[in-house]
Amino acid sequence: MLRLGYLGRRSVYEAVRRIAFDVALFERGDVTVVDAGYRERGDIVLHCGDYRCVARELFTSLPRVLGGGKLGVDLGASKNGLAYVWNGKPLLHAVLDWDTVEEVLRKSDALEVHIGSSPYVDVKKAASLLGCRAVHLVDELTASWSRRWLRLRYPHLEEDEVDALSFTYYDGVVAAIC
């Protein structure tokens, strides 16, 4: 069981806590996140404190530290859900703007990316950010069967986060857009 720890200012911890599923305050864990202002050593050092920046840093750094995992992406018109799962355990979740999702996808080298596919979503735009890497296109209707269970298990998640998390549990169609 992976344990995430945090050392640093309480204000930055609040942003980390909104993104990470389980994080211990003022404790070292299997992976330790450190606020740069705290001047401690850690596996991930955060040089910012707002939600969007912390999410970007965690979604790009944690997969590198752990060596892979699955990234679920729920694309929307204004909000986009992200979820990161490692060894079957959900670790991160967030609702972000397109620019931040774009940065995360560009830096997702070690991740298996699962994007929800529906007639209302342009997955080509997101998949093109991955270069010629394979992406798992998951039918949103098929993944919707697990939403109720995930909502009951994680009641604090927003709908976009639940959808992104549900995509990581389905293989979908694997495609590479070059």
N, C-alpha and C. Protein backbone atom coordinates (compact mmCIF):
# COMPACT_ATOMS: atom_id res chain seq x y z
N MET A 1 0.84 -1.17 0.00
CA MET A 1 0.00 0.00 0.00
C MET A 1 0.89 1.24 0.00
N LEU A 2 0.72 2.09 -0.97
CA LEU A 2 1.52 3.31 -1.10
C LEU A 2 1.02 4.37 -0.13
N ARG A 3 1.96 5.01 0.54
CA ARG A 3 1.62 6.06 1.49
C ARG A 3 2.26 7.36 1.04
N LEU A 4 1.44 8.41 0.90
CA LEU A 4 1.90 9.72 0.46
C LEU A 4 2.00 10.62 1.69
N GLY A 5 3.16 11.28 1.85
CA GLY A 5 3.36 12.18 2.98
C GLY A 5 3.59 13.60 2.48
N TYR A 6 3.38 14.58 3.36
CA TYR A 6 3.56 15.98 2.99
C TYR A 6 4.27 16.73 4.12
N LEU A 7 5.26 17.54 3.73
CA LEU A 7 5.96 18.42 4.66
C LEU A 7 5.90 19.83 4.10
N GLY A 8 5.41 20.77 4.87
CA GLY A 8 5.38 22.14 4.39
C GLY A 8 4.27 22.96 5.00
N ARG A 9 4.01 24.10 4.37
CA ARG A 9 2.99 25.02 4.87
C ARG A 9 1.60 24.41 4.76
N ARG A 10 0.78 24.76 5.71
CA ARG A 10 -0.59 24.26 5.76
C ARG A 10 -1.40 24.72 4.55
N SER A 11 -1.16 25.94 4.06
CA SER A 11 -1.91 26.45 2.92
C SER A 11 -1.64 25.62 1.66
N VAL A 12 -0.42 25.19 1.46
CA VAL A 12 -0.09 24.35 0.31
C VAL A 12 -0.65 22.95 0.52
N TYR A 13 -0.63 22.49 1.76
CA TYR A 13 -1.21 21.18 2.07
C TYR A 13 -2.68 21.12 1.68
N GLU A 14 -3.40 22.20 1.90
CA GLU A 14 -4.82 22.23 1.53
C GLU A 14 -5.01 21.99 0.03
N ALA A 15 -4.13 22.55 -0.79
CA ALA A 15 -4.20 22.30 -2.24
C ALA A 15 -3.85 20.85 -2.54
N VAL A 16 -2.82 20.32 -1.90
CA VAL A 16 -2.42 18.91 -2.10
C VAL A 16 -3.54 17.98 -1.68
N ARG A 17 -4.16 18.28 -0.56
CA ARG A 17 -5.24 17.44 -0.03
C ARG A 17 -6.45 17.39 -0.95
N ARG A 18 -6.70 18.49 -1.69
CA ARG A 18 -7.82 18.52 -2.64
C ARG A 18 -7.53 17.67 -3.87
N ILE A 19 -6.25 17.32 -4.10
CA ILE A 19 -5.85 16.60 -5.30
C ILE A 19 -5.49 15.15 -5.02
N ALA A 20 -4.85 14.89 -3.90
CA ALA A 20 -4.41 13.53 -3.55
C ALA A 20 -5.49 12.82 -2.75
N PHE A 21 -5.64 11.51 -3.00
CA PHE A 21 -6.65 10.74 -2.28
C PHE A 21 -6.32 10.62 -0.80
N ASP A 22 -5.13 10.19 -0.47
CA ASP A 22 -4.72 10.03 0.93
C ASP A 22 -3.34 10.63 1.09
N VAL A 23 -3.24 11.66 1.91
CA VAL A 23 -1.94 12.29 2.15
C VAL A 23 -1.86 12.64 3.63
N ALA A 24 -0.72 12.31 4.24
CA ALA A 24 -0.52 12.58 5.66
C ALA A 24 0.23 13.89 5.83
N LEU A 25 -0.29 14.77 6.69
CA LEU A 25 0.32 16.07 6.95
C LEU A 25 1.48 15.92 7.93
N PHE A 26 2.59 16.59 7.63
CA PHE A 26 3.81 16.60 8.44
C PHE A 26 4.36 15.21 8.72
N GLU A 27 4.25 14.33 7.72
CA GLU A 27 4.81 12.99 7.85
C GLU A 27 5.50 12.61 6.55
N ARG A 28 6.53 11.82 6.66
CA ARG A 28 7.17 11.24 5.48
C ARG A 28 6.40 9.98 5.12
N GLY A 29 6.34 9.70 3.83
CA GLY A 29 5.66 8.51 3.37
C GLY A 29 6.54 7.75 2.39
N ASP A 30 5.95 6.78 1.69
CA ASP A 30 6.68 6.08 0.63
C ASP A 30 7.11 7.09 -0.42
N VAL A 31 6.26 8.07 -0.66
CA VAL A 31 6.57 9.22 -1.50
C VAL A 31 6.27 10.46 -0.66
N THR A 32 7.25 11.35 -0.57
CA THR A 32 7.08 12.54 0.25
C THR A 32 7.05 13.78 -0.64
N VAL A 33 5.98 14.56 -0.49
CA VAL A 33 5.81 15.82 -1.19
C VAL A 33 6.24 16.92 -0.24
N VAL A 34 7.08 17.83 -0.74
CA VAL A 34 7.62 18.89 0.12
C VAL A 34 7.35 20.25 -0.51
N ASP A 35 6.93 21.18 0.32
CA ASP A 35 6.78 22.57 -0.08
C ASP A 35 8.19 23.15 -0.18
N ALA A 36 8.54 23.78 -1.30
CA ALA A 36 9.89 24.31 -1.51
C ALA A 36 10.27 25.32 -0.42
N GLY A 37 9.31 26.03 0.12
CA GLY A 37 9.58 26.99 1.17
C GLY A 37 9.96 26.36 2.49
N TYR A 38 9.77 25.08 2.63
CA TYR A 38 10.02 24.37 3.88
C TYR A 38 11.48 23.93 4.03
N ARG A 39 12.22 23.91 2.93
CA ARG A 39 13.65 23.57 2.90
C ARG A 39 13.93 22.17 3.46
N GLU A 40 13.18 21.22 3.02
CA GLU A 40 13.37 19.82 3.37
C GLU A 40 13.58 19.04 2.10
N ARG A 41 14.10 17.85 2.23
CA ARG A 41 14.25 16.95 1.08
C ARG A 41 12.98 16.13 0.93
N GLY A 42 12.65 15.88 -0.34
CA GLY A 42 11.48 15.07 -0.62
C GLY A 42 11.56 14.50 -2.02
N ASP A 43 10.65 13.61 -2.34
CA ASP A 43 10.60 12.99 -3.67
C ASP A 43 10.04 13.98 -4.69
N ILE A 44 9.09 14.81 -4.25
CA ILE A 44 8.48 15.82 -5.11
C ILE A 44 8.54 17.15 -4.36
N VAL A 45 9.10 18.16 -5.01
CA VAL A 45 9.20 19.49 -4.39
C VAL A 45 8.27 20.43 -5.15
N LEU A 46 7.35 21.05 -4.42
CA LEU A 46 6.39 21.97 -5.01
C LEU A 46 6.89 23.41 -4.88
N HIS A 47 6.99 24.11 -6.01
CA HIS A 47 7.45 25.49 -6.02
C HIS A 47 6.29 26.47 -6.17
N CYS A 48 5.08 26.00 -5.90
CA CYS A 48 3.90 26.85 -6.02
C CYS A 48 2.88 26.39 -4.99
N GLY A 49 1.81 27.15 -4.86
CA GLY A 49 0.83 26.80 -3.85
C GLY A 49 -0.61 26.82 -4.28
N ASP A 50 -0.89 27.27 -5.52
CA ASP A 50 -2.29 27.30 -5.94
C ASP A 50 -2.70 25.95 -6.53
N TYR A 51 -4.00 25.70 -6.52
CA TYR A 51 -4.56 24.41 -6.92
C TYR A 51 -4.08 23.95 -8.29
N ARG A 52 -4.19 24.83 -9.29
CA ARG A 52 -3.85 24.46 -10.67
C ARG A 52 -2.38 24.07 -10.80
N CYS A 53 -1.50 24.86 -10.22
CA CYS A 53 -0.06 24.59 -10.30
C CYS A 53 0.31 23.33 -9.54
N VAL A 54 -0.25 23.15 -8.35
CA VAL A 54 0.04 21.94 -7.56
C VAL A 54 -0.45 20.71 -8.30
N ALA A 55 -1.62 20.78 -8.91
CA ALA A 55 -2.14 19.65 -9.69
C ALA A 55 -1.20 19.32 -10.84
N ARG A 56 -0.76 20.32 -11.58
CA ARG A 56 0.16 20.10 -12.69
C ARG A 56 1.45 19.43 -12.20
N GLU A 57 2.00 19.93 -11.11
CA GLU A 57 3.24 19.37 -10.57
C GLU A 57 3.06 17.92 -10.10
N LEU A 58 1.96 17.65 -9.41
CA LEU A 58 1.73 16.29 -8.92
C LEU A 58 1.47 15.31 -10.06
N PHE A 59 0.65 15.72 -11.03
CA PHE A 59 0.32 14.82 -12.14
C PHE A 59 1.52 14.55 -13.05
N THR A 60 2.50 15.43 -13.07
CA THR A 60 3.68 15.18 -13.90
C THR A 60 4.82 14.55 -13.11
N SER A 61 4.92 14.83 -11.82
CA SER A 61 6.04 14.32 -11.02
C SER A 61 5.79 12.95 -10.41
N LEU A 62 4.61 12.71 -9.86
CA LEU A 62 4.34 11.44 -9.18
C LEU A 62 4.48 10.23 -10.11
N PRO A 63 3.98 10.27 -11.35
CA PRO A 63 4.19 9.12 -12.25
C PRO A 63 5.67 8.86 -12.55
N ARG A 64 6.49 9.91 -12.61
CA ARG A 64 7.93 9.71 -12.82
C ARG A 64 8.57 9.02 -11.62
N VAL A 65 8.17 9.44 -10.42
CA VAL A 65 8.72 8.85 -9.20
C VAL A 65 8.31 7.38 -9.09
N LEU A 66 7.05 7.09 -9.39
CA LEU A 66 6.53 5.73 -9.24
C LEU A 66 6.81 4.85 -10.46
N GLY A 67 7.09 5.46 -11.60
CA GLY A 67 7.40 4.67 -12.79
C GLY A 67 6.18 4.17 -13.54
N GLY A 68 5.27 5.05 -13.87
CA GLY A 68 4.13 4.66 -14.71
C GLY A 68 2.81 4.80 -14.01
N GLY A 69 1.83 4.06 -14.53
CA GLY A 69 0.48 4.11 -14.04
C GLY A 69 -0.49 4.46 -15.15
N LYS A 70 -1.72 4.76 -14.78
CA LYS A 70 -2.76 5.10 -15.74
C LYS A 70 -3.29 6.50 -15.46
N LEU A 71 -3.49 7.25 -16.53
CA LEU A 71 -4.07 8.58 -16.43
C LEU A 71 -5.42 8.56 -17.14
N GLY A 72 -6.48 8.85 -16.40
CA GLY A 72 -7.81 8.97 -16.98
C GLY A 72 -8.11 10.42 -17.28
N VAL A 73 -8.66 10.68 -18.47
CA VAL A 73 -8.93 12.05 -18.90
C VAL A 73 -10.38 12.15 -19.37
N ASP A 74 -11.14 13.03 -18.72
CA ASP A 74 -12.51 13.32 -19.13
C ASP A 74 -12.53 14.73 -19.69
N LEU A 75 -12.61 14.82 -21.01
CA LEU A 75 -12.59 16.12 -21.67
C LEU A 75 -13.99 16.72 -21.66
N GLY A 76 -14.05 18.03 -21.42
CA GLY A 76 -15.32 18.73 -21.40
C GLY A 76 -15.20 20.05 -22.12
N ALA A 77 -16.30 20.76 -22.19
CA ALA A 77 -16.31 22.06 -22.88
C ALA A 77 -15.53 23.11 -22.09
N SER A 78 -15.68 23.12 -20.77
CA SER A 78 -14.97 24.11 -19.96
C SER A 78 -14.14 23.49 -18.85
N LYS A 79 -14.56 22.34 -18.35
CA LYS A 79 -13.84 21.65 -17.28
C LYS A 79 -13.41 20.28 -17.77
N ASN A 80 -12.24 19.85 -17.30
CA ASN A 80 -11.69 18.55 -17.68
C ASN A 80 -11.30 17.80 -16.41
N GLY A 81 -11.72 16.55 -16.34
CA GLY A 81 -11.38 15.74 -15.17
C GLY A 81 -10.14 14.91 -15.44
N LEU A 82 -9.28 14.78 -14.43
CA LEU A 82 -8.10 13.93 -14.51
C LEU A 82 -8.09 13.02 -13.30
N ALA A 83 -7.60 11.80 -13.49
CA ALA A 83 -7.41 10.86 -12.39
C ALA A 83 -6.17 10.03 -12.68
N TYR A 84 -5.34 9.84 -11.67
CA TYR A 84 -4.12 9.04 -11.80
C TYR A 84 -4.24 7.82 -10.91
N VAL A 85 -4.03 6.64 -11.51
CA VAL A 85 -4.12 5.36 -10.81
C VAL A 85 -2.80 4.63 -10.97
N TRP A 86 -2.28 4.11 -9.86
CA TRP A 86 -1.03 3.35 -9.89
C TRP A 86 -1.26 2.01 -9.19
N ASN A 87 -0.96 0.93 -9.89
CA ASN A 87 -1.17 -0.43 -9.37
C ASN A 87 -2.60 -0.64 -8.86
N GLY A 88 -3.56 -0.11 -9.58
CA GLY A 88 -4.96 -0.28 -9.23
C GLY A 88 -5.47 0.64 -8.13
N LYS A 89 -4.59 1.46 -7.56
CA LYS A 89 -5.00 2.37 -6.47
C LYS A 89 -5.07 3.80 -6.98
N PRO A 90 -6.22 4.45 -6.84
CA PRO A 90 -6.33 5.85 -7.23
C PRO A 90 -5.49 6.73 -6.30
N LEU A 91 -4.65 7.58 -6.90
CA LEU A 91 -3.78 8.44 -6.10
C LEU A 91 -4.10 9.92 -6.24
N LEU A 92 -4.45 10.37 -7.46
CA LEU A 92 -4.70 11.79 -7.70
C LEU A 92 -6.00 12.00 -8.47
N HIS A 93 -6.61 13.16 -8.26
CA HIS A 93 -7.82 13.55 -8.99
C HIS A 93 -7.88 15.06 -9.05
N ALA A 94 -8.40 15.60 -10.14
CA ALA A 94 -8.51 17.05 -10.26
C ALA A 94 -9.45 17.43 -11.39
N VAL A 95 -10.00 18.62 -11.29
CA VAL A 95 -10.77 19.23 -12.37
C VAL A 95 -9.97 20.46 -12.79
N LEU A 96 -9.55 20.48 -14.07
CA LEU A 96 -8.62 21.51 -14.54
C LEU A 96 -9.06 22.12 -15.85
N ASP A 97 -8.47 23.27 -16.17
CA ASP A 97 -8.71 23.93 -17.44
C ASP A 97 -7.90 23.22 -18.53
N TRP A 98 -8.21 23.53 -19.79
CA TRP A 98 -7.58 22.86 -20.92
C TRP A 98 -6.06 23.07 -20.95
N ASP A 99 -5.58 24.28 -20.67
CA ASP A 99 -4.15 24.56 -20.73
C ASP A 99 -3.35 23.67 -19.78
N THR A 100 -3.87 23.44 -18.59
CA THR A 100 -3.18 22.59 -17.62
C THR A 100 -3.23 21.14 -18.06
N VAL A 101 -4.36 20.68 -18.57
CA VAL A 101 -4.47 19.30 -19.07
C VAL A 101 -3.48 19.09 -20.22
N GLU A 102 -3.36 20.08 -21.07
CA GLU A 102 -2.42 20.02 -22.20
C GLU A 102 -0.99 19.83 -21.69
N GLU A 103 -0.59 20.56 -20.67
CA GLU A 103 0.75 20.42 -20.10
C GLU A 103 0.95 19.03 -19.51
N VAL A 104 -0.04 18.53 -18.79
CA VAL A 104 0.05 17.20 -18.18
C VAL A 104 0.19 16.14 -19.27
N LEU A 105 -0.61 16.22 -20.33
CA LEU A 105 -0.54 15.23 -21.40
C LEU A 105 0.81 15.27 -22.11
N ARG A 106 1.36 16.43 -22.32
CA ARG A 106 2.67 16.54 -22.98
C ARG A 106 3.78 15.91 -22.15
N LYS A 107 3.62 15.91 -20.84
CA LYS A 107 4.65 15.37 -19.94
C LYS A 107 4.31 13.98 -19.41
N SER A 108 3.38 13.29 -20.06
CA SER A 108 2.90 12.00 -19.57
C SER A 108 3.62 10.82 -20.22
N ASP A 109 4.92 10.92 -20.37
CA ASP A 109 5.70 9.90 -21.07
C ASP A 109 5.54 8.50 -20.50
N ALA A 110 5.55 8.36 -19.19
CA ALA A 110 5.54 7.05 -18.56
C ALA A 110 4.13 6.51 -18.30
N LEU A 111 3.11 7.24 -18.73
CA LEU A 111 1.74 6.87 -18.39
C LEU A 111 0.98 6.18 -19.51
N GLU A 112 0.05 5.34 -19.12
CA GLU A 112 -0.92 4.75 -20.04
C GLU A 112 -2.13 5.70 -19.98
N VAL A 113 -2.45 6.36 -21.08
CA VAL A 113 -3.49 7.39 -21.08
C VAL A 113 -4.81 6.81 -21.57
N HIS A 114 -5.87 7.02 -20.77
CA HIS A 114 -7.23 6.56 -21.09
C HIS A 114 -8.12 7.79 -21.22
N ILE A 115 -8.62 8.04 -22.42
CA ILE A 115 -9.45 9.22 -22.69
C ILE A 115 -10.87 8.77 -23.00
N GLY A 116 -11.83 9.43 -22.37
CA GLY A 116 -13.23 9.14 -22.65
C GLY A 116 -13.60 9.61 -24.04
N SER A 117 -14.28 8.72 -24.76
CA SER A 117 -14.65 9.02 -26.14
C SER A 117 -16.17 9.06 -26.28
N SER A 118 -16.65 10.15 -26.87
CA SER A 118 -18.07 10.28 -27.17
C SER A 118 -18.20 11.19 -28.38
N PRO A 119 -19.39 11.24 -28.99
CA PRO A 119 -19.56 12.11 -30.16
C PRO A 119 -19.38 13.59 -29.85
N TYR A 120 -19.42 13.97 -28.58
CA TYR A 120 -19.34 15.37 -28.19
C TYR A 120 -17.93 15.84 -27.85
N VAL A 121 -16.95 14.93 -27.91
CA VAL A 121 -15.59 15.24 -27.48
C VAL A 121 -14.61 15.05 -28.64
N ASP A 122 -13.71 16.00 -28.81
CA ASP A 122 -12.67 15.91 -29.84
C ASP A 122 -11.42 15.29 -29.22
N VAL A 123 -11.35 13.95 -29.25
CA VAL A 123 -10.21 13.26 -28.64
C VAL A 123 -8.94 13.41 -29.46
N LYS A 124 -9.07 13.75 -30.74
CA LYS A 124 -7.89 13.92 -31.60
C LYS A 124 -6.99 15.03 -31.07
N LYS A 125 -7.58 16.08 -30.57
CA LYS A 125 -6.82 17.21 -30.05
C LYS A 125 -5.96 16.77 -28.86
N ALA A 126 -6.54 16.01 -27.95
CA ALA A 126 -5.81 15.53 -26.78
C ALA A 126 -4.80 14.45 -27.17
N ALA A 127 -5.21 13.52 -28.02
CA ALA A 127 -4.32 12.42 -28.42
C ALA A 127 -3.12 12.93 -29.22
N SER A 128 -3.30 14.00 -29.96
CA SER A 128 -2.18 14.54 -30.74
C SER A 128 -1.06 15.07 -29.85
N LEU A 129 -1.37 15.42 -28.62
CA LEU A 129 -0.35 15.90 -27.68
C LEU A 129 0.60 14.78 -27.24
N LEU A 130 0.19 13.55 -27.45
CA LEU A 130 0.98 12.39 -27.04
C LEU A 130 1.97 11.96 -28.11
N GLY A 131 1.98 12.65 -29.25
CA GLY A 131 2.85 12.23 -30.36
C GLY A 131 2.30 10.97 -30.97
N CYS A 132 3.16 10.01 -31.21
CA CYS A 132 2.72 8.74 -31.80
C CYS A 132 2.49 7.66 -30.75
N ARG A 133 2.43 8.07 -29.48
CA ARG A 133 2.17 7.08 -28.41
C ARG A 133 0.73 6.61 -28.48
N ALA A 134 0.53 5.40 -28.04
CA ALA A 134 -0.82 4.83 -28.04
C ALA A 134 -1.66 5.46 -26.93
N VAL A 135 -2.93 5.61 -27.21
CA VAL A 135 -3.89 6.12 -26.25
C VAL A 135 -5.07 5.14 -26.21
N HIS A 136 -5.64 4.95 -25.04
CA HIS A 136 -6.81 4.08 -24.89
C HIS A 136 -8.05 4.97 -24.99
N LEU A 137 -8.84 4.77 -26.02
CA LEU A 137 -10.10 5.50 -26.19
C LEU A 137 -11.21 4.67 -25.57
N VAL A 138 -11.78 5.18 -24.52
CA VAL A 138 -12.79 4.44 -23.76
C VAL A 138 -14.16 5.03 -24.05
N ASP A 139 -15.10 4.19 -24.44
CA ASP A 139 -16.46 4.63 -24.69
C ASP A 139 -17.08 5.10 -23.37
N GLU A 140 -17.53 6.35 -23.34
CA GLU A 140 -18.08 6.91 -22.11
C GLU A 140 -19.32 6.17 -21.64
N LEU A 141 -20.12 5.67 -22.57
CA LEU A 141 -21.33 4.92 -22.20
C LEU A 141 -20.95 3.62 -21.50
N THR A 142 -19.94 2.92 -22.01
CA THR A 142 -19.48 1.68 -21.39
C THR A 142 -18.94 1.95 -19.99
N ALA A 143 -18.13 2.99 -19.85
CA ALA A 143 -17.53 3.33 -18.56
C ALA A 143 -18.56 3.83 -17.55
N SER A 144 -19.69 4.27 -18.03
CA SER A 144 -20.70 4.82 -17.12
C SER A 144 -21.24 3.77 -16.15
N TRP A 145 -21.08 2.49 -16.46
CA TRP A 145 -21.56 1.43 -15.58
C TRP A 145 -20.86 1.46 -14.22
N SER A 146 -19.64 1.94 -14.17
CA SER A 146 -18.90 1.97 -12.90
C SER A 146 -19.06 3.28 -12.14
N ARG A 147 -19.72 4.27 -12.72
CA ARG A 147 -19.84 5.58 -12.08
C ARG A 147 -20.55 5.51 -10.73
N ARG A 148 -21.64 4.79 -10.66
CA ARG A 148 -22.41 4.73 -9.41
C ARG A 148 -21.57 4.15 -8.29
N TRP A 149 -20.86 3.08 -8.58
CA TRP A 149 -20.00 2.46 -7.57
C TRP A 149 -18.90 3.42 -7.13
N LEU A 150 -18.30 4.12 -8.10
CA LEU A 150 -17.23 5.06 -7.77
C LEU A 150 -17.75 6.26 -6.97
N ARG A 151 -18.96 6.73 -7.29
CA ARG A 151 -19.54 7.84 -6.52
C ARG A 151 -19.79 7.45 -5.07
N LEU A 152 -20.24 6.21 -4.86
CA LEU A 152 -20.47 5.73 -3.50
C LEU A 152 -19.15 5.56 -2.75
N ARG A 153 -18.14 5.08 -3.44
CA ARG A 153 -16.82 4.84 -2.81
C ARG A 153 -16.06 6.15 -2.56
N TYR A 154 -16.20 7.11 -3.46
CA TYR A 154 -15.49 8.39 -3.35
C TYR A 154 -16.49 9.55 -3.46
N PRO A 155 -17.29 9.78 -2.43
CA PRO A 155 -18.35 10.80 -2.52
C PRO A 155 -17.83 12.24 -2.65
N HIS A 156 -16.58 12.49 -2.33
CA HIS A 156 -16.03 13.84 -2.40
C HIS A 156 -15.58 14.24 -3.81
N LEU A 157 -15.57 13.31 -4.76
CA LEU A 157 -15.13 13.62 -6.11
C LEU A 157 -16.22 14.33 -6.91
N GLU A 158 -15.80 15.24 -7.77
CA GLU A 158 -16.73 15.88 -8.70
C GLU A 158 -17.03 14.91 -9.84
N GLU A 159 -18.08 15.17 -10.58
CA GLU A 159 -18.51 14.27 -11.66
C GLU A 159 -17.42 14.05 -12.70
N ASP A 160 -16.70 15.10 -13.07
CA ASP A 160 -15.62 14.96 -14.06
C ASP A 160 -14.50 14.07 -13.55
N GLU A 161 -14.22 14.13 -12.26
CA GLU A 161 -13.19 13.28 -11.67
C GLU A 161 -13.64 11.82 -11.63
N VAL A 162 -14.90 11.59 -11.31
CA VAL A 162 -15.45 10.24 -11.31
C VAL A 162 -15.37 9.64 -12.71
N ASP A 163 -15.73 10.42 -13.72
CA ASP A 163 -15.67 9.94 -15.09
C ASP A 163 -14.23 9.59 -15.48
N ALA A 164 -13.29 10.48 -15.17
CA ALA A 164 -11.88 10.22 -15.50
C ALA A 164 -11.38 8.96 -14.81
N LEU A 165 -11.77 8.79 -13.55
CA LEU A 165 -11.36 7.60 -12.81
C LEU A 165 -11.98 6.34 -13.42
N SER A 166 -13.22 6.41 -13.84
CA SER A 166 -13.88 5.24 -14.44
C SER A 166 -13.18 4.81 -15.73
N PHE A 167 -12.63 5.75 -16.49
CA PHE A 167 -11.96 5.40 -17.74
C PHE A 167 -10.72 4.56 -17.51
N THR A 168 -10.06 4.73 -16.38
CA THR A 168 -8.82 3.98 -16.11
C THR A 168 -9.08 2.50 -15.89
N TYR A 169 -10.32 2.12 -15.63
CA TYR A 169 -10.65 0.72 -15.38
C TYR A 169 -11.09 -0.03 -16.63
N TYR A 170 -11.05 0.64 -17.78
CA TYR A 170 -11.44 0.02 -19.05
C TYR A 170 -10.30 0.17 -20.05
N ASP A 171 -10.07 -0.88 -20.85
CA ASP A 171 -9.01 -0.82 -21.85
C ASP A 171 -9.40 -0.02 -23.08
N GLY A 172 -10.64 -0.10 -23.47
CA GLY A 172 -11.10 0.64 -24.65
C GLY A 172 -10.42 0.19 -25.91
N VAL A 173 -10.36 1.08 -26.88
CA VAL A 173 -9.69 0.83 -28.17
C VAL A 173 -8.35 1.54 -28.13
N VAL A 174 -7.29 0.82 -28.42
CA VAL A 174 -5.96 1.43 -28.38
C VAL A 174 -5.64 1.99 -29.77
N ALA A 175 -5.27 3.26 -29.79
CA ALA A 175 -4.98 3.92 -31.07
C ALA A 175 -3.79 4.86 -30.92
N ALA A 176 -3.09 5.07 -32.01
CA ALA A 176 -2.00 6.05 -32.03
C ALA A 176 -2.29 7.02 -33.17
N ILE A 177 -2.31 8.29 -32.85
CA ILE A 177 -2.56 9.32 -33.85
C ILE A 177 -1.25 10.00 -34.16
N CYS A 178 -0.73 9.75 -35.34
CA CYS A 178 0.57 10.31 -35.73
C CYS A 178 0.40 11.38 -36.79
